[in-house]
Amino acid sequence: MALLSLLKSELSGLFDLLLPATCPLCRAESPLIAPFGLCPECLAQLPPLPAARCPRCALPYATADGTPHLCESCLRRPPNFSRVVAVGLYHDLLRESIHRFKYEQGIDLDRSLAALLAQRLATETPDFRPELIIPVPLHLSRLQERGYNQSLLLARRLGKELQVPTAPRRLRRRRPTPPQQGLPLAARRHNLCGAFGLSEPLHGERILLVDDVMTTGATLRECANVLHAGGAGEILVAVIGRAPRHQ
C-alpha cells in the first residue's frame, strides 16, 4: 500500500512537470496560487464584499461608503440565520464562474470555489464551528435534468476543508418549484412555501447552510425556517455570490 501511494505521488509530480498548470477560470497556463488553484490575475478579480452591507444577510448597499447596518428586510423580518458569508459580489468573473459551474457542467470548479469560501469563513467568522454542513437541495426532477447539485458539490468540498460532516439528505425539497429568476420577492416566497422539509429532526446542532448564489434570499430564508423549526441551533449561510439588489 505504501509503495502504491509513493508511485501515485511520483506520477503526479511527473504530470505536473510535463503538463503546465492551467487556471480553471480563465484557462490560461500560469503559476497557480494555493490553496485556491487560481492564477493571480483571476484571484485579483474576486475581491470580498464591500464593507457597506447588511451584517445579517450580507446585502451590499449602493454606496461603497458607510458602515454596516441592518437592511430593511432584516429589520422587518429577521431571518433564522445569524449571518451570510459570501466570496464576493455576483457579477463579472465570479458570476461567469458560477454560471459555468451551475449550468455548463463546470464541476471542476468546485475545489477552487470551495477553497475561496472556506477562506472567507475563516476570516469573517473565525469563532463559528459548524457541526453539520447542509446544502440547499434540488428536487429530483431538477437533479435528473442537471445531473448534479452544485450546492452539494460545494458542501462536500467545504466539509473536507473544515473537517465537518456533510448531511446532504437531511434537508429535502418536497416538490418542484418554478424558476425564481425574474420574479418579485412575494412571488418567490409563495413558490417556496412548504417546498422544503426535514428527513429527521435536529437536536441543537450548529448548521452551515450552503448554496451557490443569494439574490433576494427567499430560498435560504425558507430553508433556515425549516431547519430552525426542526431543532437546529445557530444557522450560518455560506454562498459563493451575493447579488446586490440595486443592480
C-alpha atoms as a PDB file:
ATOM      1  CA  MET A   1       0.000   0.000   0.000  1.00  0.00           C
ATOM      2  CA  ALA A   2       2.854   2.376   0.882  1.00  0.00           C
ATOM      3  CA  LEU A   3       4.592   1.523  -2.399  1.00  0.00           C
ATOM      4  CA  LEU A   4       1.372   2.273  -4.350  1.00  0.00           C
ATOM      5  CA  SER A   5       0.970   5.650  -2.621  1.00  0.00           C
ATOM      6  CA  LEU A   6       4.589   6.518  -3.388  1.00  0.00           C
ATOM      7  CA  LEU A   7       4.111   5.566  -7.030  1.00  0.00           C
ATOM      8  CA  LYS A   8       0.976   7.726  -7.304  1.00  0.00           C
ATOM      9  CA  SER A   9       2.835  10.657  -5.769  1.00  0.00           C
ATOM     10  CA  GLU A  10       5.758  10.256  -8.165  1.00  0.00           C
ATOM     11  CA  LEU A  11       3.439  10.025 -11.185  1.00  0.00           C
ATOM     12  CA  SER A  12       1.509  13.103 -10.038  1.00  0.00           C
ATOM     13  CA  GLY A  13       4.774  15.043  -9.796  1.00  0.00           C
ATOM     14  CA  LEU A  14       5.789  13.857 -13.262  1.00  0.00           C
ATOM     15  CA  PHE A  15       2.477  15.027 -14.747  1.00  0.00           C
ATOM     16  CA  ASP A  16       2.926  18.434 -13.080  1.00  0.00           C
ATOM     17  CA  LEU A  17       6.297  18.759 -14.811  1.00  0.00           C
ATOM     18  CA  LEU A  18       5.055  17.640 -18.218  1.00  0.00           C
ATOM     19  CA  LEU A  19       1.721  19.471 -18.207  1.00  0.00           C
ATOM     20  CA  PRO A  20       1.761  23.199 -17.343  1.00  0.00           C
ATOM     21  CA  ALA A  21      -0.725  24.358 -14.703  1.00  0.00           C
ATOM     22  CA  THR A  22      -3.967  25.771 -16.136  1.00  0.00           C
ATOM     23  CA  CYS A  23      -6.241  28.167 -14.265  1.00  0.00           C
ATOM     24  CA  PRO A  24      -9.758  26.660 -14.122  1.00  0.00           C
ATOM     25  CA  LEU A  25     -11.392  30.089 -14.560  1.00  0.00           C
ATOM     26  CA  CYS A  26      -9.519  31.701 -17.459  1.00  0.00           C
ATOM     27  CA  ARG A  27      -7.851  28.525 -18.856  1.00  0.00           C
ATOM     28  CA  ALA A  28      -4.525  30.347 -19.040  1.00  0.00           C
ATOM     29  CA  GLU A  29      -1.288  28.499 -18.345  1.00  0.00           C
ATOM     30  CA  SER A  30       0.063  30.220 -15.269  1.00  0.00           C
ATOM     31  CA  PRO A  31       1.516  29.538 -11.822  1.00  0.00           C
ATOM     32  CA  LEU A  32      -1.469  28.880  -9.552  1.00  0.00           C
ATOM     33  CA  ILE A  33      -1.905  30.259  -6.057  1.00  0.00           C
ATOM     34  CA  ALA A  34      -2.543  27.675  -3.338  1.00  0.00           C
ATOM     35  CA  PRO A  35      -4.911  26.681  -1.852  1.00  0.00           C
ATOM     36  CA  PHE A  36      -7.306  28.168  -4.417  1.00  0.00           C
ATOM     37  CA  GLY A  37      -5.703  26.739  -7.544  1.00  0.00           C
ATOM     38  CA  LEU A  38      -6.276  30.007  -9.428  1.00  0.00           C
ATOM     39  CA  CYS A  39      -3.934  32.308 -11.318  1.00  0.00           C
ATOM     40  CA  PRO A  40      -3.048  35.687  -9.726  1.00  0.00           C
ATOM     41  CA  GLU A  41      -4.997  37.610 -12.380  1.00  0.00           C
ATOM     42  CA  CYS A  42      -8.265  35.764 -11.680  1.00  0.00           C
ATOM     43  CA  LEU A  43      -7.790  35.849  -7.928  1.00  0.00           C
ATOM     44  CA  ALA A  44      -7.374  39.637  -8.089  1.00  0.00           C
ATOM     45  CA  GLN A  45     -10.796  39.858  -9.773  1.00  0.00           C
ATOM     46  CA  LEU A  46     -12.532  38.173  -6.834  1.00  0.00           C
ATOM     47  CA  PRO A  47     -12.460  40.765  -4.025  1.00  0.00           C
ATOM     48  CA  PRO A  48     -14.572  40.324  -0.872  1.00  0.00           C
ATOM     49  CA  LEU A  49     -17.891  42.091  -0.407  1.00  0.00           C
ATOM     50  CA  PRO A  50     -17.730  45.823   0.354  1.00  0.00           C
ATOM     51  CA  ALA A  51     -17.872  46.937   3.975  1.00  0.00           C
ATOM     52  CA  ALA A  52     -21.135  48.786   3.294  1.00  0.00           C
ATOM     53  CA  ARG A  53     -23.510  45.849   3.614  1.00  0.00           C
ATOM     54  CA  CYS A  54     -26.075  44.302   5.905  1.00  0.00           C
ATOM     55  CA  PRO A  55     -24.284  42.371   8.686  1.00  0.00           C
ATOM     56  CA  ARG A  56     -27.100  39.781   8.724  1.00  0.00           C
ATOM     57  CA  CYS A  57     -27.885  38.936   5.083  1.00  0.00           C
ATOM     58  CA  ALA A  58     -24.743  40.498   3.507  1.00  0.00           C
ATOM     59  CA  LEU A  59     -26.809  42.670   1.137  1.00  0.00           C
ATOM     60  CA  PRO A  60     -24.335  45.135  -0.429  1.00  0.00           C
ATOM     61  CA  TYR A  61     -25.535  48.721  -0.442  1.00  0.00           C
ATOM     62  CA  ALA A  62     -25.492  51.021  -3.451  1.00  0.00           C
ATOM     63  CA  THR A  63     -22.838  53.269  -1.945  1.00  0.00           C
ATOM     64  CA  ALA A  64     -19.348  51.989  -1.301  1.00  0.00           C
ATOM     65  CA  ASP A  65     -19.015  54.269   1.725  1.00  0.00           C
ATOM     66  CA  GLY A  66     -20.657  53.842   5.096  1.00  0.00           C
ATOM     67  CA  THR A  67     -20.689  51.389   7.962  1.00  0.00           C
ATOM     68  CA  PRO A  68     -22.518  48.058   8.148  1.00  0.00           C
ATOM     69  CA  HIS A  69     -26.149  48.340   9.221  1.00  0.00           C
ATOM     70  CA  LEU A  70     -29.182  46.071   9.014  1.00  0.00           C
ATOM     71  CA  CYS A  71     -31.214  46.295   5.826  1.00  0.00           C
ATOM     72  CA  GLU A  72     -34.963  46.950   5.878  1.00  0.00           C
ATOM     73  CA  SER A  73     -35.789  43.308   5.127  1.00  0.00           C
ATOM     74  CA  CYS A  74     -33.768  42.005   8.091  1.00  0.00           C
ATOM     75  CA  LEU A  75     -35.243  44.669  10.372  1.00  0.00           C
ATOM     76  CA  ARG A  76     -38.834  43.876   9.396  1.00  0.00           C
ATOM     77  CA  ARG A  77     -38.464  40.096   9.067  1.00  0.00           C
ATOM     78  CA  PRO A  78     -35.339  38.880  10.913  1.00  0.00           C
ATOM     79  CA  PRO A  79     -34.183  35.652   9.235  1.00  0.00           C
ATOM     80  CA  ASN A  80     -33.498  32.448  11.131  1.00  0.00           C
ATOM     81  CA  PHE A  81     -29.844  32.536  10.126  1.00  0.00           C
ATOM     82  CA  SER A  82     -27.305  34.571  12.057  1.00  0.00           C
ATOM     83  CA  ARG A  83     -25.166  35.686   9.143  1.00  0.00           C
ATOM     84  CA  VAL A  84     -24.344  35.243   5.454  1.00  0.00           C
ATOM     85  CA  VAL A  85     -20.742  34.827   4.285  1.00  0.00           C
ATOM     86  CA  ALA A  86     -20.042  35.189   0.559  1.00  0.00           C
ATOM     87  CA  VAL A  87     -16.943  35.007  -1.602  1.00  0.00           C
ATOM     88  CA  GLY A  88     -17.932  38.247  -3.337  1.00  0.00           C
ATOM     89  CA  LEU A  89     -20.392  40.161  -5.482  1.00  0.00           C
ATOM     90  CA  TYR A  90     -22.372  38.184  -8.013  1.00  0.00           C
ATOM     91  CA  HIS A  91     -21.056  39.948 -11.108  1.00  0.00           C
ATOM     92  CA  ASP A  92     -18.246  39.893 -13.672  1.00  0.00           C
ATOM     93  CA  LEU A  93     -15.820  36.964 -13.328  1.00  0.00           C
ATOM     94  CA  LEU A  94     -17.490  35.477 -10.249  1.00  0.00           C
ATOM     95  CA  ARG A  95     -20.883  35.469 -11.953  1.00  0.00           C
ATOM     96  CA  GLU A  96     -19.414  33.863 -15.086  1.00  0.00           C
ATOM     97  CA  SER A  97     -17.695  31.207 -12.976  1.00  0.00           C
ATOM     98  CA  ILE A  98     -20.852  30.347 -11.039  1.00  0.00           C
ATOM     99  CA  HIS A  99     -22.848  30.164 -14.279  1.00  0.00           C
ATOM    100  CA  ARG A 100     -20.329  27.728 -15.754  1.00  0.00           C
ATOM    101  CA  PHE A 101     -20.234  25.709 -12.540  1.00  0.00           C
ATOM    102  CA  LYS A 102     -24.030  25.547 -12.334  1.00  0.00           C
ATOM    103  CA  TYR A 103     -25.270  25.308 -15.917  1.00  0.00           C
ATOM    104  CA  GLU A 104     -22.347  24.247 -18.112  1.00  0.00           C
ATOM    105  CA  GLN A 105     -21.099  21.102 -16.353  1.00  0.00           C
ATOM    106  CA  GLY A 106     -18.183  23.007 -14.843  1.00  0.00           C
ATOM    107  CA  ILE A 107     -17.899  20.695 -11.869  1.00  0.00           C
ATOM    108  CA  ASP A 108     -14.108  21.045 -11.909  1.00  0.00           C
ATOM    109  CA  LEU A 109     -14.615  24.484 -10.326  1.00  0.00           C
ATOM    110  CA  ASP A 110     -15.887  23.040  -7.053  1.00  0.00           C
ATOM    111  CA  ARG A 111     -12.437  22.798  -5.479  1.00  0.00           C
ATOM    112  CA  SER A 112     -11.425  26.416  -6.157  1.00  0.00           C
ATOM    113  CA  LEU A 113     -14.813  27.902  -5.257  1.00  0.00           C
ATOM    114  CA  ALA A 114     -14.984  25.932  -2.006  1.00  0.00           C
ATOM    115  CA  ALA A 115     -11.427  26.959  -1.086  1.00  0.00           C
ATOM    116  CA  LEU A 116     -12.345  30.613  -1.615  1.00  0.00           C
ATOM    117  CA  LEU A 117     -15.440  30.192   0.533  1.00  0.00           C
ATOM    118  CA  ALA A 118     -13.502  28.409   3.278  1.00  0.00           C
ATOM    119  CA  GLN A 119     -11.033  31.294   3.358  1.00  0.00           C
ATOM    120  CA  ARG A 120     -13.850  33.864   3.689  1.00  0.00           C
ATOM    121  CA  LEU A 121     -15.420  31.830   6.518  1.00  0.00           C
ATOM    122  CA  ALA A 122     -12.114  31.652   8.383  1.00  0.00           C
ATOM    123  CA  THR A 123     -11.631  35.411   8.003  1.00  0.00           C
ATOM    124  CA  GLU A 124     -15.158  36.625   8.777  1.00  0.00           C
ATOM    125  CA  THR A 125     -16.462  34.026  11.241  1.00  0.00           C
ATOM    126  CA  PRO A 126     -13.410  32.522  12.963  1.00  0.00           C
ATOM    127  CA  ASP A 127     -15.386  31.561  16.078  1.00  0.00           C
ATOM    128  CA  PHE A 128     -18.183  29.714  14.273  1.00  0.00           C
ATOM    129  CA  ARG A 129     -17.599  25.973  14.219  1.00  0.00           C
ATOM    130  CA  PRO A 130     -20.408  24.115  12.423  1.00  0.00           C
ATOM    131  CA  GLU A 131     -21.406  20.620  13.433  1.00  0.00           C
ATOM    132  CA  LEU A 132     -23.192  19.839  10.171  1.00  0.00           C
ATOM    133  CA  ILE A 133     -22.934  21.213   6.638  1.00  0.00           C
ATOM    134  CA  ILE A 134     -26.239  21.111   4.756  1.00  0.00           C
ATOM    135  CA  PRO A 135     -26.604  22.059   1.068  1.00  0.00           C
ATOM    136  CA  VAL A 136     -29.752  23.598  -0.389  1.00  0.00           C
ATOM    137  CA  PRO A 137     -31.372  20.586  -2.096  1.00  0.00           C
ATOM    138  CA  LEU A 138     -32.664  20.217  -5.633  1.00  0.00           C
ATOM    139  CA  HIS A 139     -35.896  18.441  -6.425  1.00  0.00           C
ATOM    140  CA  LEU A 140     -35.363  15.047  -8.051  1.00  0.00           C
ATOM    141  CA  SER A 141     -36.719  16.272 -11.400  1.00  0.00           C
ATOM    142  CA  ARG A 142     -34.255  19.193 -11.487  1.00  0.00           C
ATOM    143  CA  LEU A 143     -31.428  16.929 -10.330  1.00  0.00           C
ATOM    144  CA  GLN A 144     -32.133  14.485 -13.155  1.00  0.00           C
ATOM    145  CA  GLU A 145     -32.213  17.355 -15.640  1.00  0.00           C
ATOM    146  CA  ARG A 146     -28.931  18.909 -14.499  1.00  0.00           C
ATOM    147  CA  GLY A 147     -27.150  15.757 -13.429  1.00  0.00           C
ATOM    148  CA  TYR A 148     -25.712  17.156 -10.193  1.00  0.00           C
ATOM    149  CA  ASN A 149     -26.451  19.574  -7.363  1.00  0.00           C
ATOM    150  CA  GLN A 150     -23.825  22.321  -7.405  1.00  0.00           C
ATOM    151  CA  SER A 151     -24.592  23.211  -3.767  1.00  0.00           C
ATOM    152  CA  LEU A 152     -23.877  19.631  -2.711  1.00  0.00           C
ATOM    153  CA  LEU A 153     -20.541  19.661  -4.541  1.00  0.00           C
ATOM    154  CA  LEU A 154     -19.596  22.841  -2.670  1.00  0.00           C
ATOM    155  CA  ALA A 155     -20.811  21.431   0.652  1.00  0.00           C
ATOM    156  CA  ARG A 156     -18.747  18.257   0.263  1.00  0.00           C
ATOM    157  CA  ARG A 157     -15.614  20.225  -0.568  1.00  0.00           C
ATOM    158  CA  LEU A 158     -16.222  22.534   2.398  1.00  0.00           C
ATOM    159  CA  GLY A 159     -16.710  19.509   4.619  1.00  0.00           C
ATOM    160  CA  LYS A 160     -13.262  18.263   3.658  1.00  0.00           C
ATOM    161  CA  GLU A 161     -11.726  21.713   4.118  1.00  0.00           C
ATOM    162  CA  LEU A 162     -13.333  22.247   7.545  1.00  0.00           C
ATOM    163  CA  GLN A 163     -13.359  18.574   8.615  1.00  0.00           C
ATOM    164  CA  VAL A 164     -17.090  18.760   9.321  1.00  0.00           C
ATOM    165  CA  PRO A 165     -19.631  16.092   8.233  1.00  0.00           C
ATOM    166  CA  THR A 166     -21.961  16.892   5.339  1.00  0.00           C
ATOM    167  CA  ALA A 167     -25.640  15.903   5.628  1.00  0.00           C
ATOM    168  CA  PRO A 168     -26.977  16.013   2.053  1.00  0.00           C
ATOM    169  CA  ARG A 169     -30.254  14.201   2.791  1.00  0.00           C
ATOM    170  CA  ARG A 170     -31.309  15.960   6.000  1.00  0.00           C
ATOM    171  CA  LEU A 171     -32.988  18.859   4.179  1.00  0.00           C
ATOM    172  CA  ARG A 172     -35.214  17.798   1.283  1.00  0.00           C
ATOM    173  CA  ARG A 173     -37.154  19.568  -1.432  1.00  0.00           C
ATOM    174  CA  ARG A 174     -40.649  18.161  -1.244  1.00  0.00           C
ATOM    175  CA  ARG A 175     -41.939  19.481  -4.544  1.00  0.00           C
ATOM    176  CA  PRO A 176     -40.555  21.180  -7.645  1.00  0.00           C
ATOM    177  CA  THR A 177     -40.788  24.952  -7.806  1.00  0.00           C
ATOM    178  CA  PRO A 178     -40.824  27.276 -10.838  1.00  0.00           C
ATOM    179  CA  PRO A 179     -37.579  29.136 -11.619  1.00  0.00           C
ATOM    180  CA  GLN A 180     -37.154  32.071  -9.242  1.00  0.00           C
ATOM    181  CA  GLN A 181     -35.266  34.349 -11.620  1.00  0.00           C
ATOM    182  CA  GLY A 182     -37.176  37.477 -12.576  1.00  0.00           C
ATOM    183  CA  LEU A 183     -39.948  37.008 -10.008  1.00  0.00           C
ATOM    184  CA  PRO A 184     -40.747  39.615  -7.328  1.00  0.00           C
ATOM    185  CA  LEU A 185     -39.976  38.723  -3.727  1.00  0.00           C
ATOM    186  CA  ALA A 186     -43.606  37.992  -2.799  1.00  0.00           C
ATOM    187  CA  ALA A 187     -43.931  35.507  -5.669  1.00  0.00           C
ATOM    188  CA  ARG A 188     -40.672  33.823  -4.679  1.00  0.00           C
ATOM    189  CA  ARG A 189     -41.917  33.364  -1.121  1.00  0.00           C
ATOM    190  CA  HIS A 190     -45.210  31.935  -2.375  1.00  0.00           C
ATOM    191  CA  ASN A 191     -43.365  29.478  -4.643  1.00  0.00           C
ATOM    192  CA  LEU A 192     -41.264  28.217  -1.749  1.00  0.00           C
ATOM    193  CA  CYS A 193     -43.969  27.884   0.879  1.00  0.00           C
ATOM    194  CA  GLY A 194     -43.901  24.249   2.010  1.00  0.00           C
ATOM    195  CA  ALA A 195     -41.288  23.315  -0.597  1.00  0.00           C
ATOM    196  CA  PHE A 196     -38.722  22.051   1.948  1.00  0.00           C
ATOM    197  CA  GLY A 197     -38.820  19.539   4.780  1.00  0.00           C
ATOM    198  CA  LEU A 198     -36.541  17.607   7.110  1.00  0.00           C
ATOM    199  CA  SER A 199     -35.958  13.872   6.849  1.00  0.00           C
ATOM    200  CA  GLU A 200     -35.356  13.738  10.616  1.00  0.00           C
ATOM    201  CA  PRO A 201     -35.267  16.277  13.444  1.00  0.00           C
ATOM    202  CA  LEU A 202     -32.199  18.149  14.583  1.00  0.00           C
ATOM    203  CA  HIS A 203     -31.003  18.482  18.180  1.00  0.00           C
ATOM    204  CA  GLY A 204     -29.414  21.913  18.500  1.00  0.00           C
ATOM    205  CA  GLU A 205     -26.576  21.370  16.016  1.00  0.00           C
ATOM    206  CA  ARG A 206     -24.827  24.407  14.579  1.00  0.00           C
ATOM    207  CA  ILE A 207     -25.527  24.359  10.844  1.00  0.00           C
ATOM    208  CA  LEU A 208     -23.620  25.720   7.881  1.00  0.00           C
ATOM    209  CA  LEU A 209     -26.215  26.091   5.108  1.00  0.00           C
ATOM    210  CA  VAL A 210     -24.576  26.153   1.659  1.00  0.00           C
ATOM    211  CA  ASP A 211     -25.800  27.477  -1.701  1.00  0.00           C
ATOM    212  CA  ASP A 212     -24.184  28.928  -4.805  1.00  0.00           C
ATOM    213  CA  VAL A 213     -25.900  32.342  -5.044  1.00  0.00           C
ATOM    214  CA  MET A 214     -28.062  34.545  -2.833  1.00  0.00           C
ATOM    215  CA  THR A 215     -30.282  37.073  -4.610  1.00  0.00           C
ATOM    216  CA  THR A 216     -33.420  38.066  -2.695  1.00  0.00           C
ATOM    217  CA  GLY A 217     -32.671  35.432  -0.061  1.00  0.00           C
ATOM    218  CA  ALA A 218     -36.121  33.809  -0.289  1.00  0.00           C
ATOM    219  CA  THR A 219     -34.772  30.279  -0.754  1.00  0.00           C
ATOM    220  CA  LEU A 220     -32.215  30.491   2.041  1.00  0.00           C
ATOM    221  CA  ARG A 221     -34.714  32.121   4.390  1.00  0.00           C
ATOM    222  CA  GLU A 222     -37.193  29.289   3.812  1.00  0.00           C
ATOM    223  CA  CYS A 223     -34.503  26.633   4.304  1.00  0.00           C
ATOM    224  CA  ALA A 224     -33.388  28.332   7.536  1.00  0.00           C
ATOM    225  CA  ASN A 225     -37.011  28.462   8.723  1.00  0.00           C
ATOM    226  CA  VAL A 226     -37.373  24.715   8.209  1.00  0.00           C
ATOM    227  CA  LEU A 227     -34.048  23.949   9.915  1.00  0.00           C
ATOM    228  CA  HIS A 228     -34.874  26.224  12.845  1.00  0.00           C
ATOM    229  CA  ALA A 229     -38.361  24.713  13.284  1.00  0.00           C
ATOM    230  CA  GLY A 230     -36.770  21.247  13.117  1.00  0.00           C
ATOM    231  CA  GLY A 231     -34.485  21.889  16.073  1.00  0.00           C
ATOM    232  CA  ALA A 232     -31.309  23.425  14.622  1.00  0.00           C
ATOM    233  CA  GLY A 233     -29.066  25.608  16.737  1.00  0.00           C
ATOM    234  CA  GLU A 234     -27.279  28.565  15.152  1.00  0.00           C
ATOM    235  CA  ILE A 235     -27.525  28.630  11.353  1.00  0.00           C
ATOM    236  CA  LEU A 236     -24.905  30.380   9.250  1.00  0.00           C
ATOM    237  CA  VAL A 237     -25.241  30.703   5.467  1.00  0.00           C
ATOM    238  CA  ALA A 238     -22.317  30.362   3.053  1.00  0.00           C
ATOM    239  CA  VAL A 239     -22.631  31.271  -0.634  1.00  0.00           C
ATOM    240  CA  ILE A 240     -20.262  31.969  -3.495  1.00  0.00           C
ATOM    241  CA  GLY A 241     -22.008  35.062  -4.886  1.00  0.00           C
ATOM    242  CA  ARG A 242     -24.186  37.708  -3.208  1.00  0.00           C
ATOM    243  CA  ALA A 243     -26.317  39.756  -5.597  1.00  0.00           C
ATOM    244  CA  PRO A 244     -26.736  43.482  -4.933  1.00  0.00           C
ATOM    245  CA  ARG A 245     -30.407  44.346  -5.437  1.00  0.00           C
ATOM    246  CA  HIS A 246     -29.631  47.829  -6.745  1.00  0.00           C
ATOM    247  CA  GLN A 247     -28.010  46.193  -9.778  1.00  0.00           C
END
